[in-house]
Amino acid sequence: MLAMKKLLRRIGLVVVRLFGSDIHDLDDGAVLGRALVVAFGGRVHLVGYNGLPLRPVSVAQNRVKYWRITIGFKKAEVPDYPNEVVTHQ
């Protein structure tokens, strides 16, 4: 059973490497990783991505189209708020 899972995982990763696309940062154009982008049911799934955490953003368009929005990705920023422990007395 475990060997079958490993075999299916390897086959899946080969498919992602063949048909996947590079994920570029919207700000500087750096390659963040590679993934198979699947849009289904109003959601976007990145299959096989194992890079930095991403934040989806909508890309500015020349003409407003409400039925189709282009989505880009940016690196997720580190939170800028301090990690403070509050003790109540």
Protein backbone atom coordinates (compact mmCIF):
# COMPACT_ATOMS: atom_id res chain seq x y z
CA MET A 1 0.00 0.00 0.00
CA LEU A 2 2.79 2.42 0.90
CA ALA A 3 4.68 1.55 -2.28
CA MET A 4 1.57 2.33 -4.34
CA LYS A 5 1.22 5.76 -2.67
CA LYS A 6 4.86 6.56 -3.41
CA LEU A 7 4.46 5.47 -7.03
CA LEU A 8 1.34 7.62 -7.49
CA ARG A 9 3.10 10.57 -5.86
CA ARG A 10 6.06 10.24 -8.23
CA ILE A 11 3.77 10.02 -11.24
CA GLY A 12 1.88 13.10 -10.02
CA LEU A 13 5.09 15.09 -9.59
CA VAL A 14 6.23 14.12 -13.09
CA VAL A 15 2.91 15.38 -14.49
CA VAL A 16 3.27 18.66 -12.58
CA ARG A 17 6.82 19.12 -13.87
CA LEU A 18 5.71 18.47 -17.45
CA PHE A 19 2.53 20.55 -17.55
CA GLY A 20 3.11 23.02 -14.72
CA SER A 21 4.05 26.64 -15.24
CA ASP A 22 6.50 28.92 -13.50
CA ILE A 23 5.00 31.14 -10.81
CA HIS A 24 6.49 34.65 -11.09
CA ASP A 25 6.41 37.42 -8.50
CA LEU A 26 4.20 40.26 -9.73
CA ASP A 27 6.52 42.97 -8.34
CA ASP A 28 9.98 41.98 -9.53
CA GLY A 29 9.34 39.06 -11.91
CA ALA A 30 11.44 36.59 -9.92
CA VAL A 31 10.53 32.92 -10.27
CA LEU A 32 8.95 31.76 -7.00
CA GLY A 33 8.41 28.15 -7.98
CA ARG A 34 6.65 25.83 -10.35
CA ALA A 35 3.09 24.50 -10.07
CA LEU A 36 0.13 23.23 -11.99
CA VAL A 37 -2.56 25.93 -11.70
CA VAL A 38 -6.08 24.47 -11.56
CA ALA A 39 -9.13 26.76 -11.39
CA PHE A 40 -12.25 24.88 -10.35
CA GLY A 41 -15.43 25.91 -8.60
CA GLY A 42 -14.40 29.54 -8.17
CA ARG A 43 -11.14 28.57 -6.45
CA VAL A 44 -7.56 28.43 -7.61
CA HIS A 45 -5.43 25.44 -6.61
CA LEU A 46 -1.65 25.28 -7.01
CA VAL A 47 -0.76 21.61 -7.33
CA GLY A 48 2.86 20.69 -6.66
CA TYR A 49 3.99 24.10 -5.37
CA ASN A 50 6.50 23.97 -2.53
CA GLY A 51 8.17 27.38 -2.56
CA LEU A 52 7.70 30.53 -0.52
CA PRO A 53 4.25 31.43 0.85
CA LEU A 54 2.18 33.26 -1.77
CA ARG A 55 -0.46 35.96 -1.70
CA PRO A 56 -2.90 36.10 -4.63
CA VAL A 57 -3.62 39.57 -6.04
CA SER A 58 -5.70 40.80 -8.94
CA VAL A 59 -3.72 42.25 -11.84
CA ALA A 60 -4.60 45.70 -13.17
CA GLN A 61 -6.37 45.54 -16.53
CA ASN A 62 -6.68 48.04 -19.37
CA ARG A 63 -10.41 47.41 -19.68
CA VAL A 64 -12.69 46.43 -16.79
CA LYS A 65 -14.02 42.90 -17.19
CA TYR A 66 -16.24 41.74 -14.37
CA TRP A 67 -16.62 38.20 -15.66
CA ARG A 68 -12.90 37.46 -15.84
CA ILE A 69 -10.19 38.72 -13.50
CA THR A 70 -6.50 38.03 -14.05
CA ILE A 71 -4.78 36.76 -10.91
CA GLY A 72 -1.11 37.22 -10.08
CA PHE A 73 0.98 36.16 -7.10
CA LYS A 74 3.26 38.01 -4.71
CA LYS A 75 5.50 36.82 -1.91
CA ALA A 76 3.68 36.93 1.41
CA GLU A 77 5.21 39.52 3.71
CA VAL A 78 6.25 38.85 7.26
CA PRO A 79 3.76 40.41 9.72
CA ASP A 80 4.99 43.75 11.07
CA TYR A 81 3.20 43.61 14.41
CA PRO A 82 5.14 42.56 17.50
CA ASN A 83 4.55 39.18 19.09
CA GLU A 84 3.62 40.24 22.62
CA VAL A 85 2.11 38.07 25.29
CA VAL A 86 -0.69 39.77 27.20
CA THR A 87 -1.15 38.69 30.80
CA HIS A 88 -4.35 39.62 32.59
CA GLN A 89 -4.40 40.14 36.34
